[in-house]
PDB file of N, CA and C in Angstrom:
ATOM      1  N   UNK A   1      89.954 196.230 -51.758  1.00  0.00           N
ATOM      2  CA  UNK A   1      89.290 195.592 -52.863  1.00  0.00           C
ATOM      3  C   UNK A   1      89.513 196.368 -54.145  1.00  0.00           C
ATOM      4  N   UNK A   2      89.570 195.666 -55.244  1.00  0.00           N
ATOM      5  CA  UNK A   2      89.696 196.323 -56.536  1.00  0.00           C
ATOM      6  C   UNK A   2      88.315 196.658 -57.067  1.00  0.00           C
ATOM      7  N   UNK A   3      88.273 197.663 -57.900  1.00  0.00           N
ATOM      8  CA  UNK A   3      87.002 198.011 -58.532  1.00  0.00           C
ATOM      9  C   UNK A   3      86.617 196.918 -59.527  1.00  0.00           C
ATOM     10  N   UNK A   4      85.333 196.601 -59.554  1.00  0.00           N
ATOM     11  CA  UNK A   4      84.836 195.593 -60.480  1.00  0.00           C
ATOM     12  C   UNK A   4      84.596 196.231 -61.847  1.00  0.00           C
ATOM     13  N   UNK A   5      84.715 195.447 -62.894  1.00  0.00           N
ATOM     14  CA  UNK A   5      84.426 195.978 -64.225  1.00  0.00           C
ATOM     15  C   UNK A   5      82.912 196.103 -64.369  1.00  0.00           C
ATOM     16  N   UNK A   6      82.457 197.111 -65.090  1.00  0.00           N
ATOM     17  CA  UNK A   6      81.012 197.248 -65.306  1.00  0.00           C
ATOM     18  C   UNK A   6      80.493 196.068 -66.120  1.00  0.00           C
ATOM     19  N   UNK A   7      79.239 195.683 -65.928  1.00  0.00           N
ATOM     20  CA  UNK A   7      78.692 194.571 -66.715  1.00  0.00           C
ATOM     21  C   UNK A   7      78.552 194.964 -68.184  1.00  0.00           C
ATOM     22  N   UNK A   8      78.640 193.977 -69.050  1.00  0.00           N
ATOM     23  CA  UNK A   8      78.438 194.209 -70.475  1.00  0.00           C
ATOM     24  C   UNK A   8      76.973 194.560 -70.722  1.00  0.00           C
ATOM     25  N   UNK A   9      76.707 195.257 -71.823  1.00  0.00           N
ATOM     26  CA  UNK A   9      75.336 195.655 -72.147  1.00  0.00           C
ATOM     27  C   UNK A   9      74.383 194.469 -72.132  1.00  0.00           C
ATOM     28  N   UNK A  10      74.815 193.323 -72.653  1.00  0.00           N
ATOM     29  CA  UNK A  10      73.949 192.150 -72.708  1.00  0.00           C
ATOM     30  C   UNK A  10      73.586 191.627 -71.320  1.00  0.00           C
ATOM     31  N   UNK A  11      74.436 191.880 -70.333  1.00  0.00           N
ATOM     32  CA  UNK A  11      74.174 191.417 -68.969  1.00  0.00           C
ATOM     33  C   UNK A  11      73.147 192.287 -68.239  1.00  0.00           C
ATOM     34  N   UNK A  12      72.896 193.475 -68.752  1.00  0.00           N
ATOM     35  CA  UNK A  12      72.020 194.429 -68.063  1.00  0.00           C
ATOM     36  C   UNK A  12      70.558 194.286 -68.430  1.00  0.00           C
ATOM     37  N   UNK A  13      70.235 193.549 -69.475  1.00  0.00           N
ATOM     38  CA  UNK A  13      68.846 193.406 -69.871  1.00  0.00           C
ATOM     39  C   UNK A  13      68.381 194.573 -70.712  1.00  0.00           C
ATOM     40  N   UNK A  14      67.082 194.696 -70.828  1.00  0.00           N
ATOM     41  CA  UNK A  14      66.485 195.719 -71.673  1.00  0.00           C
ATOM     42  C   UNK A  14      65.825 196.784 -70.816  1.00  0.00           C
ATOM     43  N   UNK A  15      66.029 198.029 -71.167  1.00  0.00           N
ATOM     44  CA  UNK A  15      65.392 199.133 -70.462  1.00  0.00           C
ATOM     45  C   UNK A  15      64.121 199.497 -71.210  1.00  0.00           C
ATOM     46  N   UNK A  16      63.025 199.570 -70.491  1.00  0.00           N
ATOM     47  CA  UNK A  16      61.759 199.968 -71.073  1.00  0.00           C
ATOM     48  C   UNK A  16      61.302 201.235 -70.372  1.00  0.00           C
ATOM     49  N   UNK A  17      61.083 202.286 -71.138  1.00  0.00           N
ATOM     50  CA  UNK A  17      60.630 203.551 -70.569  1.00  0.00           C
ATOM     51  C   UNK A  17      59.116 203.623 -70.681  1.00  0.00           C
ATOM     52  N   UNK A  18      58.460 203.951 -69.568  1.00  0.00           N
ATOM     53  CA  UNK A  18      57.006 204.071 -69.558  1.00  0.00           C
ATOM     54  C   UNK A  18      56.638 205.351 -68.827  1.00  0.00           C
ATOM     55  N   UNK A  19      55.575 205.973 -69.262  1.00  0.00           N
ATOM     56  CA  UNK A  19      55.107 207.209 -68.636  1.00  0.00           C
ATOM     57  C   UNK A  19      53.709 206.987 -68.087  1.00  0.00           C
ATOM     58  N   UNK A  20      53.531 207.274 -66.809  1.00  0.00           N
ATOM     59  CA  UNK A  20      52.246 207.125 -66.144  1.00  0.00           C
ATOM     60  C   UNK A  20      51.746 208.494 -65.736  1.00  0.00           C
ATOM     61  N   UNK A  21      50.449 208.707 -65.864  1.00  0.00           N
ATOM     62  CA  UNK A  21      49.860 209.968 -65.420  1.00  0.00           C
ATOM     63  C   UNK A  21      49.798 209.950 -63.888  1.00  0.00           C
ATOM     64  N   UNK A  22      50.354 210.983 -63.262  1.00  0.00           N
ATOM     65  CA  UNK A  22      50.413 211.071 -61.806  1.00  0.00           C
ATOM     66  C   UNK A  22      49.777 212.386 -61.389  1.00  0.00           C
ATOM     67  N   UNK A  23      48.934 212.315 -60.386  1.00  0.00           N
ATOM     68  CA  UNK A  23      48.278 213.502 -59.853  1.00  0.00           C
ATOM     69  C   UNK A  23      49.339 214.543 -59.500  1.00  0.00           C
ATOM     70  N   UNK A  24      49.157 215.786 -59.964  1.00  0.00           N
ATOM     71  CA  UNK A  24      50.133 216.856 -59.739  1.00  0.00           C
ATOM     72  C   UNK A  24      50.390 217.087 -58.258  1.00  0.00           C
ATOM     73  N   UNK A  25      49.380 216.882 -57.407  1.00  0.00           N
ATOM     74  CA  UNK A  25      49.572 217.076 -55.959  1.00  0.00           C
ATOM     75  C   UNK A  25      50.561 216.064 -55.395  1.00  0.00           C
ATOM     76  N   UNK A  26      50.532 214.839 -55.940  1.00  0.00           N
ATOM     77  CA  UNK A  26      51.487 213.824 -55.477  1.00  0.00           C
ATOM     78  C   UNK A  26      52.893 214.150 -55.951  1.00  0.00           C
ATOM     79  N   UNK A  27      53.011 214.659 -57.156  1.00  0.00           N
ATOM     80  CA  UNK A  27      54.326 215.041 -57.673  1.00  0.00           C
ATOM     81  C   UNK A  27      54.937 216.150 -56.820  1.00  0.00           C
ATOM     82  N   UNK A  28      54.128 217.115 -56.396  1.00  0.00           N
ATOM     83  CA  UNK A  28      54.623 218.210 -55.569  1.00  0.00           C
ATOM     84  C   UNK A  28      55.014 217.734 -54.183  1.00  0.00           C
ATOM     85  N   UNK A  29      54.365 216.680 -53.715  1.00  0.00           N
ATOM     86  CA  UNK A  29      54.641 216.175 -52.368  1.00  0.00           C
ATOM     87  C   UNK A  29      55.932 215.362 -52.312  1.00  0.00           C
ATOM     88  N   UNK A  30      56.449 214.967 -53.459  1.00  0.00           N
ATOM     89  CA  UNK A  30      57.667 214.161 -53.477  1.00  0.00           C
ATOM     90  C   UNK A  30      57.339 212.687 -53.347  1.00  0.00           C
ATOM     91  N   UNK A  31      58.075 211.989 -52.530  1.00  0.00           N
ATOM     92  CA  UNK A  31      57.834 210.560 -52.282  1.00  0.00           C
ATOM     93  C   UNK A  31      57.860 209.723 -53.559  1.00  0.00           C
ATOM     94  N   UNK A  32      58.938 209.763 -54.276  1.00  0.00           N
ATOM     95  CA  UNK A  32      59.159 208.906 -55.437  1.00  0.00           C
ATOM     96  C   UNK A  32      58.081 209.071 -56.495  1.00  0.00           C
ATOM     97  N   UNK A  33      57.786 210.297 -56.858  1.00  0.00           N
ATOM     98  CA  UNK A  33      56.821 210.621 -57.910  1.00  0.00           C
ATOM     99  C   UNK A  33      55.461 209.987 -57.651  1.00  0.00           C
ATOM    100  N   UNK A  34      55.064 209.949 -56.408  1.00  0.00           N
ATOM    101  CA  UNK A  34      53.748 209.431 -56.060  1.00  0.00           C
ATOM    102  C   UNK A  34      53.702 207.948 -55.790  1.00  0.00           C
ATOM    103  N   UNK A  35      54.772 207.227 -56.090  1.00  0.00           N
ATOM    104  CA  UNK A  35      54.715 205.770 -55.936  1.00  0.00           C
ATOM    105  C   UNK A  35      54.511 205.355 -54.484  1.00  0.00           C
ATOM    106  N   UNK A  36      55.078 206.092 -53.546  1.00  0.00           N
ATOM    107  CA  UNK A  36      54.911 205.741 -52.143  1.00  0.00           C
ATOM    108  C   UNK A  36      53.439 205.796 -51.753  1.00  0.00           C
ATOM    109  N   UNK A  37      52.734 206.820 -52.204  1.00  0.00           N
ATOM    110  CA  UNK A  37      51.306 206.932 -51.910  1.00  0.00           C
ATOM    111  C   UNK A  37      50.546 205.731 -52.461  1.00  0.00           C
ATOM    112  N   UNK A  38      50.788 205.407 -53.740  1.00  0.00           N
ATOM    113  CA  UNK A  38      50.071 204.295 -54.363  1.00  0.00           C
ATOM    114  C   UNK A  38      50.421 202.964 -53.714  1.00  0.00           C
ATOM    115  N   UNK A  39      51.680 202.760 -53.355  1.00  0.00           N
ATOM    116  CA  UNK A  39      52.082 201.532 -52.678  1.00  0.00           C
ATOM    117  C   UNK A  39      51.375 201.401 -51.333  1.00  0.00           C
ATOM    118  N   UNK A  40      51.344 202.481 -50.566  1.00  0.00           N
ATOM    119  CA  UNK A  40      50.678 202.442 -49.266  1.00  0.00           C
ATOM    120  C   UNK A  40      49.176 202.229 -49.418  1.00  0.00           C
ATOM    121  N   UNK A  41      48.585 202.837 -50.423  1.00  0.00           N
ATOM    122  CA  UNK A  41      47.150 202.669 -50.673  1.00  0.00           C
ATOM    123  C   UNK A  41      46.838 201.199 -50.956  1.00  0.00           C
ATOM    124  N   UNK A  42      47.633 200.560 -51.824  1.00  0.00           N
ATOM    125  CA  UNK A  42      47.417 199.144 -52.139  1.00  0.00           C
ATOM    126  C   UNK A  42      47.712 198.261 -50.933  1.00  0.00           C
ATOM    127  N   UNK A  43      48.701 198.622 -50.115  1.00  0.00           N
ATOM    128  CA  UNK A  43      49.014 197.839 -48.925  1.00  0.00           C
ATOM    129  C   UNK A  43      47.848 197.863 -47.936  1.00  0.00           C
ATOM    130  N   UNK A  44      47.301 199.053 -47.695  1.00  0.00           N
ATOM    131  CA  UNK A  44      46.170 199.174 -46.772  1.00  0.00           C
ATOM    132  C   UNK A  44      44.976 198.386 -47.300  1.00  0.00           C
ATOM    133  N   UNK A  45      44.723 198.486 -48.599  1.00  0.00           N
ATOM    134  CA  UNK A  45      43.612 197.737 -49.187  1.00  0.00           C
ATOM    135  C   UNK A  45      43.804 196.235 -48.997  1.00  0.00           C
ATOM    136  N   UNK A  46      45.036 195.754 -49.193  1.00  0.00           N
ATOM    137  CA  UNK A  46      45.317 194.330 -49.010  1.00  0.00           C
ATOM    138  C   UNK A  46      45.178 193.935 -47.546  1.00  0.00           C
ATOM    139  N   UNK A  47      45.649 194.800 -46.641  1.00  0.00           N
ATOM    140  CA  UNK A  47      45.576 194.491 -45.209  1.00  0.00           C
ATOM    141  C   UNK A  47      44.130 194.405 -44.724  1.00  0.00           C
ATOM    142  N   UNK A  48      43.244 195.173 -45.346  1.00  0.00           N
ATOM    143  CA  UNK A  48      41.840 195.194 -44.932  1.00  0.00           C
ATOM    144  C   UNK A  48      40.989 194.159 -45.648  1.00  0.00           C
ATOM    145  N   UNK A  49      41.570 193.434 -46.601  1.00  0.00           N
ATOM    146  CA  UNK A  49      40.837 192.424 -47.365  1.00  0.00           C
ATOM    147  C   UNK A  49      41.288 191.034 -46.944  1.00  0.00           C
ATOM    148  N   UNK A  50      40.342 190.206 -46.532  1.00  0.00           N
ATOM    149  CA  UNK A  50      40.665 188.843 -46.094  1.00  0.00           C
ATOM    150  C   UNK A  50      41.317 188.065 -47.240  1.00  0.00           C
ATOM    151  N   UNK A  51      42.471 187.506 -46.975  1.00  0.00           N
ATOM    152  CA  UNK A  51      43.165 186.667 -47.943  1.00  0.00           C
ATOM    153  C   UNK A  51      43.962 187.407 -49.001  1.00  0.00           C
ATOM    154  N   UNK A  52      43.868 188.729 -49.045  1.00  0.00           N
ATOM    155  CA  UNK A  52      44.628 189.486 -50.047  1.00  0.00           C
ATOM    156  C   UNK A  52      46.097 189.542 -49.648  1.00  0.00           C
ATOM    157  N   UNK A  53      46.947 189.638 -50.641  1.00  0.00           N
ATOM    158  CA  UNK A  53      48.386 189.728 -50.383  1.00  0.00           C
ATOM    159  C   UNK A  53      48.894 191.076 -50.866  1.00  0.00           C
ATOM    160  N   UNK A  54      49.803 191.700 -50.114  1.00  0.00           N
ATOM    161  CA  UNK A  54      50.373 192.978 -50.561  1.00  0.00           C
ATOM    162  C   UNK A  54      51.281 192.762 -51.765  1.00  0.00           C
ATOM    163  N   UNK A  55      51.546 193.860 -52.478  1.00  0.00           N
ATOM    164  CA  UNK A  55      52.405 193.789 -53.666  1.00  0.00           C
ATOM    165  C   UNK A  55      53.818 193.340 -53.335  1.00  0.00           C
ATOM    166  N   UNK A  56      54.313 193.742 -52.184  1.00  0.00           N
ATOM    167  CA  UNK A  56      55.672 193.384 -51.782  1.00  0.00           C
ATOM    168  C   UNK A  56      55.635 192.645 -50.455  1.00  0.00           C
ATOM    169  N   UNK A  57      56.616 191.797 -50.251  1.00  0.00           N
ATOM    170  CA  UNK A  57      56.691 190.997 -49.032  1.00  0.00           C
ATOM    171  C   UNK A  57      57.676 191.619 -48.044  1.00  0.00           C
ATOM    172  N   UNK A  58      57.686 191.098 -46.851  1.00  0.00           N
ATOM    173  CA  UNK A  58      58.662 191.521 -45.853  1.00  0.00           C
ATOM    174  C   UNK A  58      60.076 191.275 -46.374  1.00  0.00           C
ATOM    175  N   UNK A  59      60.265 190.141 -47.054  1.00  0.00           N
ATOM    176  CA  UNK A  59      61.579 189.841 -47.623  1.00  0.00           C
ATOM    177  C   UNK A  59      61.966 190.880 -48.677  1.00  0.00           C
ATOM    178  N   UNK A  60      61.013 191.286 -49.524  1.00  0.00           N
ATOM    179  CA  UNK A  60      61.294 192.329 -50.516  1.00  0.00           C
ATOM    180  C   UNK A  60      61.792 193.597 -49.825  1.00  0.00           C
ATOM    181  N   UNK A  61      61.113 193.990 -48.750  1.00  0.00           N
ATOM    182  CA  UNK A  61      61.504 195.197 -48.021  1.00  0.00           C
ATOM    183  C   UNK A  61      62.884 195.075 -47.405  1.00  0.00           C
ATOM    184  N   UNK A  62      63.161 193.905 -46.811  1.00  0.00           N
ATOM    185  CA  UNK A  62      64.469 193.691 -46.187  1.00  0.00           C
ATOM    186  C   UNK A  62      65.584 193.741 -47.224  1.00  0.00           C
ATOM    187  N   UNK A  63      65.337 193.158 -48.398  1.00  0.00           N
ATOM    188  CA  UNK A  63      66.349 193.185 -49.455  1.00  0.00           C
ATOM    189  C   UNK A  63      66.575 194.605 -49.965  1.00  0.00           C
ATOM    190  N   UNK A  64      65.509 195.390 -50.048  1.00  0.00           N
ATOM    191  CA  UNK A  64      65.652 196.783 -50.484  1.00  0.00           C
ATOM    192  C   UNK A  64      66.481 197.582 -49.487  1.00  0.00           C
ATOM    193  N   UNK A  65      66.248 197.360 -48.203  1.00  0.00           N
ATOM    194  CA  UNK A  65      67.031 198.053 -47.176  1.00  0.00           C
ATOM    195  C   UNK A  65      68.491 197.626 -47.264  1.00  0.00           C
ATOM    196  N   UNK A  66      68.725 196.328 -47.458  1.00  0.00           N
ATOM    197  CA  UNK A  66      70.097 195.829 -47.563  1.00  0.00           C
ATOM    198  C   UNK A  66      70.797 196.455 -48.773  1.00  0.00           C
ATOM    199  N   UNK A  67      70.060 196.626 -49.874  1.00  0.00           N
ATOM    200  CA  UNK A  67      70.645 197.265 -51.049  1.00  0.00           C
ATOM    201  C   UNK A  67      71.008 198.717 -50.745  1.00  0.00           C
ATOM    202  N   UNK A  68      70.155 199.422 -49.996  1.00  0.00           N
ATOM    203  CA  UNK A  68      70.453 200.796 -49.611  1.00  0.00           C
ATOM    204  C   UNK A  68      71.689 200.886 -48.737  1.00  0.00           C
ATOM    205  N   UNK A  69      71.826 199.941 -47.820  1.00  0.00           N
ATOM    206  CA  UNK A  69      73.016 199.901 -46.959  1.00  0.00           C
ATOM    207  C   UNK A  69      74.264 199.733 -47.827  1.00  0.00           C
ATOM    208  N   UNK A  70      74.189 198.838 -48.809  1.00  0.00           N
ATOM    209  CA  UNK A  70      75.322 198.629 -49.716  1.00  0.00           C
ATOM    210  C   UNK A  70      75.637 199.863 -50.531  1.00  0.00           C
ATOM    211  N   UNK A  71      74.601 200.573 -50.989  1.00  0.00           N
ATOM    212  CA  UNK A  71      74.822 201.796 -51.766  1.00  0.00           C
ATOM    213  C   UNK A  71      75.525 202.854 -50.924  1.00  0.00           C
ATOM    214  N   UNK A  72      75.085 203.007 -49.673  1.00  0.00           N
ATOM    215  CA  UNK A  72      75.732 203.992 -48.790  1.00  0.00           C
ATOM    216  C   UNK A  72      77.174 203.594 -48.499  1.00  0.00           C
ATOM    217  N   UNK A  73      77.410 202.309 -48.303  1.00  0.00           N
ATOM    218  CA  UNK A  73      78.781 201.851 -48.064  1.00  0.00           C
ATOM    219  C   UNK A  73      79.653 202.131 -49.286  1.00  0.00           C
ATOM    220  N   UNK A  74      79.125 201.889 -50.470  1.00  0.00           N
ATOM    221  CA  UNK A  74      79.880 202.139 -51.695  1.00  0.00           C
ATOM    222  C   UNK A  74      80.192 203.623 -51.864  1.00  0.00           C
ATOM    223  N   UNK A  75      79.211 204.476 -51.544  1.00  0.00           N
ATOM    224  CA  UNK A  75      79.456 205.922 -51.639  1.00  0.00           C
ATOM    225  C   UNK A  75      80.516 206.362 -50.635  1.00  0.00           C
ATOM    226  N   UNK A  76      80.504 205.775 -49.451  1.00  0.00           N
ATOM    227  CA  UNK A  76      81.450 206.165 -48.408  1.00  0.00           C
ATOM    228  C   UNK A  76      82.874 205.707 -48.726  1.00  0.00           C
ATOM    229  N   UNK A  77      83.001 204.527 -49.348  1.00  0.00           N
ATOM    230  CA  UNK A  77      84.334 203.973 -49.598  1.00  0.00           C
ATOM    231  C   UNK A  77      84.832 204.220 -51.015  1.00  0.00           C
ATOM    232  N   UNK A  78      83.912 204.504 -51.942  1.00  0.00           N
ATOM    233  CA  UNK A  78      84.301 204.660 -53.341  1.00  0.00           C
ATOM    234  C   UNK A  78      84.557 203.345 -54.042  1.00  0.00           C
ATOM    235  N   UNK A  79      84.186 202.259 -53.393  1.00  0.00           N
ATOM    236  CA  UNK A  79      84.402 200.926 -53.959  1.00  0.00           C
ATOM    237  C   UNK A  79      83.067 200.213 -54.144  1.00  0.00           C
ATOM    238  N   UNK A  80      83.033 199.248 -55.068  1.00  0.00           N
ATOM    239  CA  UNK A  80      81.806 198.474 -55.223  1.00  0.00           C
ATOM    240  C   UNK A  80      81.582 197.592 -54.003  1.00  0.00           C
ATOM    241  N   UNK A  81      80.342 197.323 -53.721  1.00  0.00           N
ATOM    242  CA  UNK A  81      79.975 196.421 -52.628  1.00  0.00           C
ATOM    243  C   UNK A  81      79.291 195.218 -53.256  1.00  0.00           C
ATOM    244  N   UNK A  82      79.799 194.051 -52.983  1.00  0.00           N
ATOM    245  CA  UNK A  82      79.235 192.838 -53.565  1.00  0.00           C
ATOM    246  C   UNK A  82      77.988 192.420 -52.808  1.00  0.00           C
ATOM    247  N   UNK A  83      76.974 192.023 -53.552  1.00  0.00           N
ATOM    248  CA  UNK A  83      75.726 191.561 -52.942  1.00  0.00           C
ATOM    249  C   UNK A  83      76.017 190.369 -52.023  1.00  0.00           C
ATOM    250  N   UNK A  84      76.886 189.478 -52.444  1.00  0.00           N
ATOM    251  CA  UNK A  84      77.201 188.302 -51.628  1.00  0.00           C
ATOM    252  C   UNK A  84      77.790 188.715 -50.278  1.00  0.00           C
ATOM    253  N   UNK A  85      78.566 189.800 -50.244  1.00  0.00           N
ATOM    254  CA  UNK A  85      79.107 190.291 -48.971  1.00  0.00           C
ATOM    255  C   UNK A  85      77.992 190.823 -48.079  1.00  0.00           C
ATOM    256  N   UNK A  86      77.028 191.534 -48.675  1.00  0.00           N
ATOM    257  CA  UNK A  86      75.904 192.047 -47.894  1.00  0.00           C
ATOM    258  C   UNK A  86      75.071 190.915 -47.322  1.00  0.00           C
ATOM    259  N   UNK A  87      74.815 189.908 -48.135  1.00  0.00           N
ATOM    260  CA  UNK A  87      74.030 188.762 -47.676  1.00  0.00           C
ATOM    261  C   UNK A  87      74.738 188.077 -46.521  1.00  0.00           C
ATOM    262  N   UNK A  88      76.032 187.864 -46.674  1.00  0.00           N
ATOM    263  CA  UNK A  88      76.804 187.203 -45.608  1.00  0.00           C
ATOM    264  C   UNK A  88      76.787 188.032 -44.326  1.00  0.00           C
ATOM    265  N   UNK A  89      76.903 189.345 -44.473  1.00  0.00           N
ATOM    266  CA  UNK A  89      76.992 190.227 -43.320  1.00  0.00           C
ATOM    267  C   UNK A  89      75.656 190.429 -42.617  1.00  0.00           C
ATOM    268  N   UNK A  90      74.560 190.568 -43.390  1.00  0.00           N
ATOM    269  CA  UNK A  90      73.292 190.983 -42.787  1.00  0.00           C
ATOM    270  C   UNK A  90      72.158 189.979 -42.838  1.00  0.00           C
ATOM    271  N   UNK A  91      72.133 189.113 -43.809  1.00  0.00           N
ATOM    272  CA  UNK A  91      70.971 188.241 -43.988  1.00  0.00           C
ATOM    273  C   UNK A  91      70.749 187.303 -42.808  1.00  0.00           C
ATOM    274  N   UNK A  92      71.794 186.927 -42.131  1.00  0.00           N
ATOM    275  CA  UNK A  92      71.657 186.000 -41.012  1.00  0.00           C
ATOM    276  C   UNK A  92      71.989 186.657 -39.677  1.00  0.00           C
ATOM    277  N   UNK A  93      71.938 187.990 -39.657  1.00  0.00           N
ATOM    278  CA  UNK A  93      72.320 188.706 -38.437  1.00  0.00           C
ATOM    279  C   UNK A  93      71.126 189.044 -37.561  1.00  0.00           C
ATOM    280  N   UNK A  94      69.938 188.585 -37.966  1.00  0.00           N
ATOM    281  CA  UNK A  94      68.746 188.925 -37.198  1.00  0.00           C
ATOM    282  C   UNK A  94      68.340 190.373 -37.402  1.00  0.00           C
ATOM    283  N   UNK A  95      68.826 190.989 -38.485  1.00  0.00           N
ATOM    284  CA  UNK A  95      68.438 192.358 -38.805  1.00  0.00           C
ATOM    285  C   UNK A  95      69.385 193.418 -38.302  1.00  0.00           C
ATOM    286  N   UNK A  96      70.430 193.031 -37.568  1.00  0.00           N
ATOM    287  CA  UNK A  96      71.364 194.030 -37.044  1.00  0.00           C
ATOM    288  C   UNK A  96      72.193 194.617 -38.175  1.00  0.00           C
ATOM    289  N   UNK A  97      72.230 195.919 -38.266  1.00  0.00           N
ATOM    290  CA  UNK A  97      73.016 196.602 -39.292  1.00  0.00           C
ATOM    291  C   UNK A  97      74.029 197.482 -38.595  1.00  0.00           C
ATOM    292  N   UNK A  98      75.307 197.125 -38.742  1.00  0.00           N
ATOM    293  CA  UNK A  98      76.382 197.911 -38.138  1.00  0.00           C
ATOM    294  C   UNK A  98      76.957 198.851 -39.169  1.00  0.00           C
ATOM    295  N   UNK A  99      77.795 199.760 -38.709  1.00  0.00           N
ATOM    296  CA  UNK A  99      78.496 200.658 -39.624  1.00  0.00           C
ATOM    297  C   UNK A  99      79.388 199.825 -40.525  1.00  0.00           C
ATOM    298  N   UNK A 100      79.585 200.250 -41.804  1.00  0.00           N
ATOM    299  CA  UNK A 100      80.456 199.489 -42.721  1.00  0.00           C
ATOM    300  C   UNK A 100      81.874 199.398 -42.182  1.00  0.00           C
ATOM    301  N   UNK A 101      82.508 198.279 -42.477  1.00  0.00           N
ATOM    302  CA  UNK A 101      83.887 198.058 -42.021  1.00  0.00           C
ATOM    303  C   UNK A 101      84.863 198.894 -42.800  1.00  0.00           C
TER     304      UNK A 101
END
């Protein structure tokens, strides 16, 4: 495969930088600057509340994992990995993830 051209600035959208106060103990513990703790806290709260919905869905999680698989494949091969290829390979595989071709 050939390397893809980077997207134009207009295709990337707008970057907004925001700073949130995070407990120093969470920062020292790692886990994505405390976000993992807060995500799990909100998930547990939603799970214990009748009718509440978590911030992210099972589909959100599966797509994030698929993106990670693509990133690792790209690092291993030095080539871009197309999202459409990942979807074709994994989205209908029942969750089976094989080593990259």
